[in-house]
Amino acid sequence: MPALAKKQSNTATTAITIPGGTALGRYFIIAVADDDAAVVETNERNQRSRRITVTRPDLRVSSLRTPASVVAGANLAIQDTTRNDDLVGGGVSTTKFYLSTDKLFDGGDVLLGNRAVPALGARATSAASTTVTIPATAPGRYFVIGVADGDANVIESDESNNARSRALTVK
């Protein structure tokens, strides 16, 4: 910082990086002028602080639409919206679609397809229609499950809310 004359100031922007392993929560960023006390001053109270909240993106399928029924072996158009619910942006991800016998996403579900989702800023969304083929399966009631960040590439503030389901009758 340059030497300052009486009543003079110096403004600058400093980029900082919050370490990736930092626990989520509230913290303070503290700026201290003349931290090493190199300048003799009449007032040595030279710090200012700003409270920040450390958070991560939170991706979820906020909307999932399909026709009410489909014939086994036919194509199905799935319309979804993937949303970042948090105040910080997230990287690129993949939303995956599964066929399930229940509403819960688990290892027994059949992958139907996926779509690439661009990096989403704070509170941003990405909507798309993805065409998949319903496998030859017994007629009955099933569920299409959309899973945001299906490859788990984005570290999120909440990893438990990524899936959304919609009932589907296979004829």
N, C-alpha and C. Protein backbone atom coordinates (compact mmCIF):
# COMPACT_ATOMS: atom_id res chain seq x y z
N MET A 1 0.85 -1.17 0.00
CA MET A 1 0.00 0.00 0.00
C MET A 1 0.90 1.24 0.00
N PRO A 2 0.52 2.24 -0.76
CA PRO A 2 1.34 3.46 -0.80
C PRO A 2 1.21 4.27 0.49
N ALA A 3 2.19 5.15 0.75
CA ALA A 3 2.10 6.06 1.90
C ALA A 3 0.89 6.96 1.71
N LEU A 4 0.21 7.25 2.80
CA LEU A 4 -0.99 8.06 2.74
C LEU A 4 -0.79 9.38 3.47
N ALA A 5 -1.21 10.47 2.83
CA ALA A 5 -1.18 11.77 3.47
C ALA A 5 -2.39 11.91 4.38
N LYS A 6 -2.41 12.95 5.18
CA LYS A 6 -3.51 13.22 6.10
C LYS A 6 -4.84 13.24 5.32
N LYS A 7 -5.85 12.52 5.87
CA LYS A 7 -7.21 12.44 5.31
C LYS A 7 -7.27 11.73 3.96
N GLN A 8 -6.21 11.06 3.57
CA GLN A 8 -6.17 10.34 2.31
C GLN A 8 -6.52 8.87 2.56
N SER A 9 -7.05 8.23 1.54
CA SER A 9 -7.38 6.80 1.68
C SER A 9 -6.91 6.05 0.44
N ASN A 10 -6.93 4.74 0.55
CA ASN A 10 -6.56 3.87 -0.56
C ASN A 10 -7.57 2.73 -0.58
N THR A 11 -8.19 2.53 -1.73
CA THR A 11 -9.18 1.48 -1.88
C THR A 11 -8.66 0.43 -2.83
N ALA A 12 -8.85 -0.83 -2.47
CA ALA A 12 -8.39 -1.92 -3.32
C ALA A 12 -9.34 -3.11 -3.15
N THR A 13 -9.30 -3.99 -4.10
CA THR A 13 -10.06 -5.23 -4.02
C THR A 13 -9.07 -6.38 -3.92
N THR A 14 -9.31 -7.26 -2.98
CA THR A 14 -8.45 -8.42 -2.79
C THR A 14 -9.29 -9.67 -2.92
N ALA A 15 -8.92 -10.55 -3.84
CA ALA A 15 -9.63 -11.82 -4.00
C ALA A 15 -9.14 -12.79 -2.94
N ILE A 16 -10.06 -13.45 -2.29
CA ILE A 16 -9.69 -14.46 -1.31
C ILE A 16 -10.35 -15.78 -1.71
N THR A 17 -9.80 -16.87 -1.25
CA THR A 17 -10.38 -18.18 -1.51
C THR A 17 -10.68 -18.85 -0.18
N ILE A 18 -11.92 -19.23 0.00
CA ILE A 18 -12.30 -19.98 1.19
C ILE A 18 -11.86 -21.43 0.94
N PRO A 19 -11.05 -22.02 1.80
CA PRO A 19 -10.59 -23.39 1.58
C PRO A 19 -11.76 -24.36 1.40
N GLY A 20 -11.61 -25.31 0.47
CA GLY A 20 -12.66 -26.25 0.15
C GLY A 20 -13.17 -27.06 1.32
N GLY A 21 -12.35 -27.33 2.31
CA GLY A 21 -12.75 -28.15 3.46
C GLY A 21 -13.41 -27.36 4.57
N THR A 22 -13.63 -26.06 4.37
CA THR A 22 -14.23 -25.23 5.41
C THR A 22 -15.65 -25.69 5.70
N ALA A 23 -15.96 -25.87 6.97
CA ALA A 23 -17.31 -26.28 7.36
C ALA A 23 -18.31 -25.19 7.00
N LEU A 24 -19.53 -25.62 6.64
CA LEU A 24 -20.58 -24.66 6.34
C LEU A 24 -20.92 -23.88 7.61
N GLY A 25 -21.26 -22.61 7.45
CA GLY A 25 -21.64 -21.81 8.61
C GLY A 25 -21.29 -20.35 8.43
N ARG A 26 -21.43 -19.61 9.52
CA ARG A 26 -21.16 -18.17 9.50
C ARG A 26 -19.76 -17.89 10.01
N TYR A 27 -19.09 -16.97 9.33
CA TYR A 27 -17.73 -16.57 9.67
C TYR A 27 -17.62 -15.06 9.53
N PHE A 28 -16.46 -14.53 9.93
CA PHE A 28 -16.17 -13.11 9.73
C PHE A 28 -14.90 -12.98 8.90
N ILE A 29 -14.93 -12.08 7.95
CA ILE A 29 -13.73 -11.66 7.23
C ILE A 29 -13.29 -10.39 7.95
N ILE A 30 -12.05 -10.35 8.40
CA ILE A 30 -11.56 -9.20 9.16
C ILE A 30 -10.41 -8.56 8.39
N ALA A 31 -10.53 -7.27 8.14
CA ALA A 31 -9.48 -6.50 7.48
C ALA A 31 -8.83 -5.60 8.53
N VAL A 32 -7.50 -5.61 8.58
CA VAL A 32 -6.78 -4.82 9.56
C VAL A 32 -5.77 -3.94 8.82
N ALA A 33 -5.90 -2.63 8.99
CA ALA A 33 -4.92 -1.70 8.41
C ALA A 33 -3.70 -1.66 9.32
N ASP A 34 -2.52 -1.61 8.74
CA ASP A 34 -1.27 -1.53 9.48
C ASP A 34 -1.20 -2.65 10.53
N ASP A 35 -1.45 -3.88 10.08
CA ASP A 35 -1.48 -5.04 10.98
C ASP A 35 -0.16 -5.27 11.71
N ASP A 36 0.95 -4.95 11.08
CA ASP A 36 2.26 -5.16 11.72
C ASP A 36 2.71 -3.96 12.55
N ALA A 37 1.83 -2.95 12.71
CA ALA A 37 2.08 -1.75 13.53
C ALA A 37 3.35 -1.01 13.10
N ALA A 38 3.57 -0.95 11.80
CA ALA A 38 4.76 -0.27 11.28
C ALA A 38 4.61 1.25 11.32
N VAL A 39 3.38 1.75 11.37
CA VAL A 39 3.14 3.20 11.38
C VAL A 39 2.59 3.58 12.75
N VAL A 40 3.20 4.61 13.38
CA VAL A 40 2.70 5.10 14.66
C VAL A 40 1.45 5.93 14.38
N GLU A 41 0.36 5.59 15.06
CA GLU A 41 -0.92 6.26 14.80
C GLU A 41 -1.53 6.76 16.10
N THR A 42 -2.41 7.74 15.99
CA THR A 42 -3.13 8.23 17.17
C THR A 42 -4.25 7.28 17.56
N ASN A 43 -4.73 6.49 16.62
CA ASN A 43 -5.79 5.51 16.90
C ASN A 43 -5.37 4.20 16.26
N GLU A 44 -5.10 3.19 17.07
CA GLU A 44 -4.63 1.90 16.57
C GLU A 44 -5.78 0.89 16.36
N ARG A 45 -7.00 1.33 16.49
CA ARG A 45 -8.14 0.43 16.24
C ARG A 45 -8.44 0.46 14.74
N ASN A 46 -7.77 -0.42 14.01
CA ASN A 46 -7.75 -0.37 12.55
C ASN A 46 -8.44 -1.54 11.88
N GLN A 47 -9.38 -2.14 12.50
CA GLN A 47 -9.97 -3.31 11.87
C GLN A 47 -11.45 -3.11 11.59
N ARG A 48 -11.86 -3.76 10.53
CA ARG A 48 -13.26 -3.81 10.15
C ARG A 48 -13.58 -5.26 9.83
N SER A 49 -14.78 -5.66 10.10
CA SER A 49 -15.16 -7.05 9.81
C SER A 49 -16.47 -7.08 9.04
N ARG A 50 -16.64 -8.16 8.37
CA ARG A 50 -17.86 -8.40 7.58
C ARG A 50 -18.24 -9.85 7.77
N ARG A 51 -19.49 -10.10 8.15
CA ARG A 51 -19.94 -11.48 8.34
C ARG A 51 -20.28 -12.09 6.99
N ILE A 52 -19.85 -13.32 6.80
CA ILE A 52 -20.17 -14.06 5.59
C ILE A 52 -20.74 -15.42 5.98
N THR A 53 -21.43 -16.03 5.08
CA THR A 53 -21.92 -17.39 5.28
C THR A 53 -21.26 -18.29 4.25
N VAL A 54 -20.61 -19.33 4.71
CA VAL A 54 -19.99 -20.30 3.81
C VAL A 54 -21.05 -21.35 3.48
N THR A 55 -21.31 -21.50 2.23
CA THR A 55 -22.31 -22.45 1.77
C THR A 55 -21.82 -23.08 0.48
N ARG A 56 -22.61 -23.95 -0.07
CA ARG A 56 -22.27 -24.62 -1.33
C ARG A 56 -23.53 -24.63 -2.20
N PRO A 57 -23.40 -24.96 -3.47
CA PRO A 57 -24.59 -25.06 -4.30
C PRO A 57 -25.51 -26.17 -3.77
N ASP A 58 -26.77 -26.11 -4.14
CA ASP A 58 -27.73 -27.14 -3.75
C ASP A 58 -28.60 -27.45 -4.96
N LEU A 59 -28.25 -28.50 -5.70
CA LEU A 59 -28.95 -28.85 -6.93
C LEU A 59 -30.10 -29.80 -6.64
N ARG A 60 -31.20 -29.57 -7.33
CA ARG A 60 -32.36 -30.47 -7.20
C ARG A 60 -33.18 -30.39 -8.47
N VAL A 61 -33.97 -31.43 -8.73
CA VAL A 61 -34.94 -31.41 -9.83
C VAL A 61 -36.18 -30.72 -9.26
N SER A 62 -36.44 -29.50 -9.71
CA SER A 62 -37.56 -28.74 -9.16
C SER A 62 -38.86 -28.99 -9.91
N SER A 63 -38.76 -29.52 -11.12
CA SER A 63 -39.96 -29.82 -11.92
C SER A 63 -39.67 -31.05 -12.76
N LEU A 64 -40.64 -31.96 -12.83
CA LEU A 64 -40.51 -33.18 -13.62
C LEU A 64 -41.87 -33.50 -14.22
N ARG A 65 -41.94 -33.55 -15.56
CA ARG A 65 -43.21 -33.83 -16.23
C ARG A 65 -43.01 -34.91 -17.28
N THR A 66 -44.01 -35.80 -17.33
CA THR A 66 -44.05 -36.83 -18.36
C THR A 66 -45.51 -37.02 -18.73
N PRO A 67 -45.80 -37.66 -19.86
CA PRO A 67 -47.18 -38.07 -20.11
C PRO A 67 -47.59 -39.05 -19.00
N ALA A 68 -48.88 -39.21 -18.81
CA ALA A 68 -49.39 -40.09 -17.74
C ALA A 68 -49.14 -41.57 -18.05
N SER A 69 -49.06 -41.92 -19.34
CA SER A 69 -48.86 -43.32 -19.68
C SER A 69 -48.02 -43.44 -20.94
N VAL A 70 -47.45 -44.65 -21.10
CA VAL A 70 -46.60 -44.93 -22.24
C VAL A 70 -46.64 -46.43 -22.51
N VAL A 71 -46.42 -46.81 -23.74
CA VAL A 71 -46.35 -48.23 -24.10
C VAL A 71 -44.91 -48.69 -23.90
N ALA A 72 -44.75 -49.88 -23.32
CA ALA A 72 -43.40 -50.44 -23.14
C ALA A 72 -42.69 -50.50 -24.49
N GLY A 73 -41.43 -50.09 -24.51
CA GLY A 73 -40.63 -50.07 -25.73
C GLY A 73 -40.74 -48.76 -26.51
N ALA A 74 -41.65 -47.88 -26.10
CA ALA A 74 -41.84 -46.61 -26.82
C ALA A 74 -40.94 -45.51 -26.25
N ASN A 75 -40.82 -44.43 -27.01
CA ASN A 75 -40.09 -43.25 -26.54
C ASN A 75 -40.97 -42.44 -25.60
N LEU A 76 -40.32 -41.78 -24.66
CA LEU A 76 -41.00 -40.95 -23.67
C LEU A 76 -40.24 -39.64 -23.54
N ALA A 77 -40.95 -38.53 -23.65
CA ALA A 77 -40.34 -37.21 -23.47
C ALA A 77 -40.46 -36.82 -22.00
N ILE A 78 -39.32 -36.57 -21.38
CA ILE A 78 -39.29 -36.14 -19.98
C ILE A 78 -38.89 -34.67 -19.96
N GLN A 79 -39.72 -33.85 -19.38
CA GLN A 79 -39.40 -32.43 -19.23
C GLN A 79 -39.01 -32.18 -17.78
N ASP A 80 -37.84 -31.59 -17.59
CA ASP A 80 -37.42 -31.32 -16.22
C ASP A 80 -36.82 -29.94 -16.12
N THR A 81 -36.80 -29.44 -14.89
CA THR A 81 -36.06 -28.24 -14.55
C THR A 81 -35.13 -28.60 -13.40
N THR A 82 -33.85 -28.38 -13.60
CA THR A 82 -32.87 -28.57 -12.54
C THR A 82 -32.52 -27.20 -12.01
N ARG A 83 -32.55 -27.07 -10.69
CA ARG A 83 -32.38 -25.76 -10.05
C ARG A 83 -31.25 -25.81 -9.02
N ASN A 84 -30.53 -24.71 -8.92
CA ASN A 84 -29.57 -24.50 -7.84
C ASN A 84 -30.27 -23.63 -6.81
N ASP A 85 -30.61 -24.20 -5.67
CA ASP A 85 -31.37 -23.48 -4.65
C ASP A 85 -30.52 -22.61 -3.73
N ASP A 86 -29.22 -22.63 -3.87
CA ASP A 86 -28.40 -21.90 -2.90
C ASP A 86 -27.89 -20.59 -3.47
N LEU A 87 -27.13 -19.87 -2.64
CA LEU A 87 -26.67 -18.53 -2.98
C LEU A 87 -25.31 -18.50 -3.66
N VAL A 88 -24.74 -19.66 -3.96
CA VAL A 88 -23.47 -19.72 -4.67
C VAL A 88 -23.64 -20.61 -5.90
N GLY A 89 -22.86 -20.32 -6.91
CA GLY A 89 -22.94 -21.08 -8.15
C GLY A 89 -22.31 -22.45 -8.02
N GLY A 90 -22.71 -23.32 -8.92
CA GLY A 90 -22.17 -24.68 -8.97
C GLY A 90 -21.66 -25.00 -10.35
N GLY A 91 -20.85 -26.02 -10.45
CA GLY A 91 -20.27 -26.43 -11.73
C GLY A 91 -21.25 -27.20 -12.59
N VAL A 92 -20.78 -27.63 -13.75
CA VAL A 92 -21.60 -28.42 -14.67
C VAL A 92 -21.96 -29.74 -13.99
N SER A 93 -23.11 -30.30 -14.37
CA SER A 93 -23.57 -31.55 -13.77
C SER A 93 -24.40 -32.32 -14.79
N THR A 94 -24.91 -33.45 -14.37
CA THR A 94 -25.76 -34.29 -15.21
C THR A 94 -27.02 -34.63 -14.43
N THR A 95 -28.17 -34.45 -15.06
CA THR A 95 -29.42 -34.92 -14.47
C THR A 95 -29.74 -36.25 -15.13
N LYS A 96 -29.96 -37.27 -14.29
CA LYS A 96 -30.23 -38.62 -14.79
C LYS A 96 -31.68 -38.99 -14.53
N PHE A 97 -32.20 -39.86 -15.41
CA PHE A 97 -33.60 -40.29 -15.32
C PHE A 97 -33.65 -41.81 -15.19
N TYR A 98 -34.49 -42.27 -14.27
CA TYR A 98 -34.59 -43.70 -13.97
C TYR A 98 -36.05 -44.14 -14.00
N LEU A 99 -36.26 -45.43 -14.25
CA LEU A 99 -37.57 -46.06 -14.12
C LEU A 99 -37.53 -46.90 -12.85
N SER A 100 -38.55 -46.72 -12.00
CA SER A 100 -38.55 -47.36 -10.70
C SER A 100 -39.93 -47.94 -10.39
N THR A 101 -39.96 -48.95 -9.54
CA THR A 101 -41.24 -49.52 -9.09
C THR A 101 -41.80 -48.77 -7.90
N ASP A 102 -41.01 -47.83 -7.33
CA ASP A 102 -41.49 -47.00 -6.22
C ASP A 102 -40.94 -45.58 -6.38
N LYS A 103 -41.29 -44.69 -5.46
CA LYS A 103 -40.89 -43.29 -5.55
C LYS A 103 -39.46 -43.03 -5.10
N LEU A 104 -38.82 -44.03 -4.50
CA LEU A 104 -37.51 -43.83 -3.91
C LEU A 104 -36.39 -44.22 -4.85
N PHE A 105 -35.42 -43.36 -5.00
CA PHE A 105 -34.26 -43.64 -5.84
C PHE A 105 -33.32 -44.58 -5.10
N ASP A 106 -33.03 -45.74 -5.73
CA ASP A 106 -32.10 -46.69 -5.13
C ASP A 106 -31.43 -47.52 -6.22
N GLY A 107 -30.60 -48.45 -5.83
CA GLY A 107 -29.81 -49.24 -6.76
C GLY A 107 -30.61 -50.13 -7.68
N GLY A 108 -31.88 -50.40 -7.39
CA GLY A 108 -32.68 -51.27 -8.23
C GLY A 108 -33.35 -50.55 -9.38
N ASP A 109 -33.20 -49.26 -9.49
CA ASP A 109 -33.85 -48.48 -10.54
C ASP A 109 -33.09 -48.60 -11.85
N VAL A 110 -33.82 -48.50 -12.96
CA VAL A 110 -33.25 -48.69 -14.29
C VAL A 110 -32.96 -47.32 -14.93
N LEU A 111 -31.70 -47.11 -15.31
CA LEU A 111 -31.32 -45.85 -15.95
C LEU A 111 -31.97 -45.77 -17.33
N LEU A 112 -32.69 -44.66 -17.56
CA LEU A 112 -33.34 -44.42 -18.85
C LEU A 112 -32.51 -43.50 -19.75
N GLY A 113 -31.82 -42.56 -19.14
CA GLY A 113 -31.06 -41.58 -19.91
C GLY A 113 -30.63 -40.44 -19.03
N ASN A 114 -30.02 -39.43 -19.65
CA ASN A 114 -29.54 -38.28 -18.88
C ASN A 114 -29.42 -37.08 -19.79
N ARG A 115 -29.15 -35.95 -19.16
CA ARG A 115 -28.88 -34.72 -19.91
C ARG A 115 -27.83 -33.91 -19.18
N ALA A 116 -27.04 -33.20 -19.97
CA ALA A 116 -26.03 -32.31 -19.40
C ALA A 116 -26.70 -31.04 -18.90
N VAL A 117 -26.26 -30.58 -17.74
CA VAL A 117 -26.76 -29.34 -17.16
C VAL A 117 -25.58 -28.38 -17.06
N PRO A 118 -25.71 -27.17 -17.59
CA PRO A 118 -24.60 -26.22 -17.52
C PRO A 118 -24.37 -25.77 -16.08
N ALA A 119 -23.24 -25.12 -15.83
CA ALA A 119 -22.99 -24.54 -14.52
C ALA A 119 -24.15 -23.60 -14.18
N LEU A 120 -24.69 -23.75 -12.97
CA LEU A 120 -25.82 -22.93 -12.56
C LEU A 120 -25.39 -21.94 -11.50
N GLY A 121 -25.65 -20.67 -11.75
CA GLY A 121 -25.38 -19.63 -10.76
C GLY A 121 -26.35 -19.73 -9.60
N ALA A 122 -26.24 -18.82 -8.67
CA ALA A 122 -27.12 -18.78 -7.51
C ALA A 122 -28.58 -18.66 -7.96
N ARG A 123 -29.41 -19.56 -7.47
CA ARG A 123 -30.86 -19.57 -7.74
C ARG A 123 -31.22 -19.74 -9.22
N ALA A 124 -30.27 -20.19 -10.03
CA ALA A 124 -30.50 -20.35 -11.47
C ALA A 124 -31.11 -21.72 -11.78
N THR A 125 -31.73 -21.82 -12.95
CA THR A 125 -32.36 -23.05 -13.39
C THR A 125 -31.92 -23.41 -14.80
N SER A 126 -32.10 -24.68 -15.13
CA SER A 126 -31.89 -25.17 -16.48
C SER A 126 -33.05 -26.11 -16.79
N ALA A 127 -33.80 -25.81 -17.84
CA ALA A 127 -34.94 -26.64 -18.23
C ALA A 127 -34.66 -27.28 -19.58
N ALA A 128 -35.14 -28.51 -19.74
CA ALA A 128 -34.92 -29.21 -21.00
C ALA A 128 -35.91 -30.36 -21.12
N SER A 129 -36.02 -30.87 -22.34
CA SER A 129 -36.80 -32.06 -22.61
C SER A 129 -35.83 -33.13 -23.09
N THR A 130 -35.92 -34.31 -22.49
CA THR A 130 -35.04 -35.42 -22.83
C THR A 130 -35.89 -36.59 -23.27
N THR A 131 -35.59 -37.15 -24.43
CA THR A 131 -36.35 -38.32 -24.91
C THR A 131 -35.59 -39.58 -24.54
N VAL A 132 -36.32 -40.50 -23.90
CA VAL A 132 -35.75 -41.78 -23.48
C VAL A 132 -36.65 -42.89 -24.03
N THR A 133 -36.16 -44.11 -23.99
CA THR A 133 -36.95 -45.26 -24.41
C THR A 133 -37.30 -46.09 -23.18
N ILE A 134 -38.59 -46.36 -23.02
CA ILE A 134 -39.04 -47.21 -21.91
C ILE A 134 -38.70 -48.66 -22.26
N PRO A 135 -37.99 -49.36 -21.39
CA PRO A 135 -37.62 -50.74 -21.71
C PRO A 135 -38.85 -51.65 -21.75
N ALA A 136 -38.71 -52.79 -22.40
CA ALA A 136 -39.79 -53.79 -22.39
C ALA A 136 -39.95 -54.25 -20.95
N THR A 137 -41.09 -53.99 -20.40
CA THR A 137 -41.35 -54.31 -18.99
C THR A 137 -42.81 -54.68 -18.83
N ALA A 138 -43.15 -55.30 -17.74
CA ALA A 138 -44.54 -55.70 -17.48
C ALA A 138 -45.42 -54.46 -17.35
N PRO A 139 -46.62 -54.51 -17.87
CA PRO A 139 -47.53 -53.38 -17.69
C PRO A 139 -47.78 -53.11 -16.20
N GLY A 140 -48.01 -51.86 -15.87
CA GLY A 140 -48.30 -51.52 -14.49
C GLY A 140 -47.90 -50.10 -14.15
N ARG A 141 -47.96 -49.80 -12.85
CA ARG A 141 -47.62 -48.47 -12.37
C ARG A 141 -46.13 -48.42 -12.01
N TYR A 142 -45.45 -47.40 -12.54
CA TYR A 142 -44.04 -47.18 -12.29
C TYR A 142 -43.85 -45.71 -11.93
N PHE A 143 -42.61 -45.36 -11.70
CA PHE A 143 -42.25 -43.96 -11.44
C PHE A 143 -41.03 -43.60 -12.27
N VAL A 144 -41.06 -42.41 -12.84
CA VAL A 144 -39.86 -41.84 -13.45
C VAL A 144 -39.23 -40.99 -12.35
N ILE A 145 -37.95 -41.19 -12.12
CA ILE A 145 -37.23 -40.42 -11.11
C ILE A 145 -36.15 -39.61 -11.79
N GLY A 146 -36.16 -38.31 -11.57
CA GLY A 146 -35.09 -37.43 -12.05
C GLY A 146 -34.15 -37.15 -10.90
N VAL A 147 -32.84 -37.26 -11.15
CA VAL A 147 -31.84 -37.06 -10.11
C VAL A 147 -30.85 -35.99 -10.57
N ALA A 148 -30.89 -34.83 -9.91
CA ALA A 148 -29.93 -33.77 -10.21
C ALA A 148 -28.55 -34.20 -9.75
N ASP A 149 -27.52 -33.77 -10.47
CA ASP A 149 -26.14 -34.13 -10.17
C ASP A 149 -26.03 -35.65 -10.02
N GLY A 150 -26.57 -36.36 -11.00
CA GLY A 150 -26.63 -37.81 -10.97
C GLY A 150 -25.27 -38.49 -10.90
N ASP A 151 -24.20 -37.80 -11.28
CA ASP A 151 -22.86 -38.37 -11.18
C ASP A 151 -22.14 -37.93 -9.90
N ALA A 152 -22.82 -37.13 -9.07
CA ALA A 152 -22.26 -36.62 -7.81
C ALA A 152 -20.94 -35.88 -8.03
N ASN A 153 -20.89 -35.04 -9.05
CA ASN A 153 -19.68 -34.27 -9.33
C ASN A 153 -19.63 -32.93 -8.61
N VAL A 154 -20.78 -32.44 -8.15
CA VAL A 154 -20.86 -31.14 -7.48
C VAL A 154 -21.01 -31.38 -5.97
N ILE A 155 -20.12 -30.83 -5.19
CA ILE A 155 -20.24 -30.93 -3.73
C ILE A 155 -21.32 -29.93 -3.31
N GLU A 156 -22.35 -30.44 -2.66
CA GLU A 156 -23.52 -29.62 -2.35
C GLU A 156 -23.71 -29.42 -0.86
N SER A 157 -24.50 -28.40 -0.52
CA SER A 157 -24.84 -28.16 0.88
C SER A 157 -25.83 -29.20 1.38
N ASP A 158 -26.64 -29.77 0.46
CA ASP A 158 -27.61 -30.81 0.83
C ASP A 158 -27.64 -31.84 -0.29
N GLU A 159 -27.12 -33.01 -0.03
CA GLU A 159 -27.08 -34.07 -1.04
C GLU A 159 -28.33 -34.95 -1.01
N SER A 160 -29.24 -34.69 -0.08
CA SER A 160 -30.39 -35.59 0.10
C SER A 160 -31.65 -35.16 -0.66
N ASN A 161 -31.62 -34.03 -1.35
CA ASN A 161 -32.84 -33.51 -1.98
C ASN A 161 -32.75 -33.47 -3.51
N ASN A 162 -31.90 -34.28 -4.11
CA ASN A 162 -31.64 -34.20 -5.55
C ASN A 162 -32.71 -34.87 -6.41
N ALA A 163 -33.49 -35.79 -5.86
CA ALA A 163 -34.41 -36.60 -6.67
C ALA A 163 -35.86 -36.11 -6.58
N ARG A 164 -36.56 -36.33 -7.70
CA ARG A 164 -38.00 -36.03 -7.77
C ARG A 164 -38.62 -37.13 -8.63
N SER A 165 -39.82 -37.56 -8.25
CA SER A 165 -40.46 -38.66 -8.98
C SER A 165 -41.82 -38.24 -9.54
N ARG A 166 -42.24 -38.99 -10.55
CA ARG A 166 -43.54 -38.77 -11.17
C ARG A 166 -44.09 -40.12 -11.57
N ALA A 167 -45.36 -40.35 -11.24
CA ALA A 167 -46.01 -41.64 -11.57
C ALA A 167 -46.17 -41.78 -13.07
N LEU A 168 -46.07 -43.03 -13.54
CA LEU A 168 -46.17 -43.34 -14.96
C LEU A 168 -46.81 -44.72 -15.10
N THR A 169 -47.81 -44.83 -15.95
CA THR A 169 -48.42 -46.13 -16.24
C THR A 169 -47.80 -46.67 -17.51
N VAL A 170 -47.24 -47.87 -17.42
CA VAL A 170 -46.69 -48.54 -18.60
C VAL A 170 -47.74 -49.54 -19.07
N LYS A 171 -48.10 -49.43 -20.35
CA LYS A 171 -49.15 -50.31 -20.94
C LYS A 171 -48.53 -51.43 -21.73
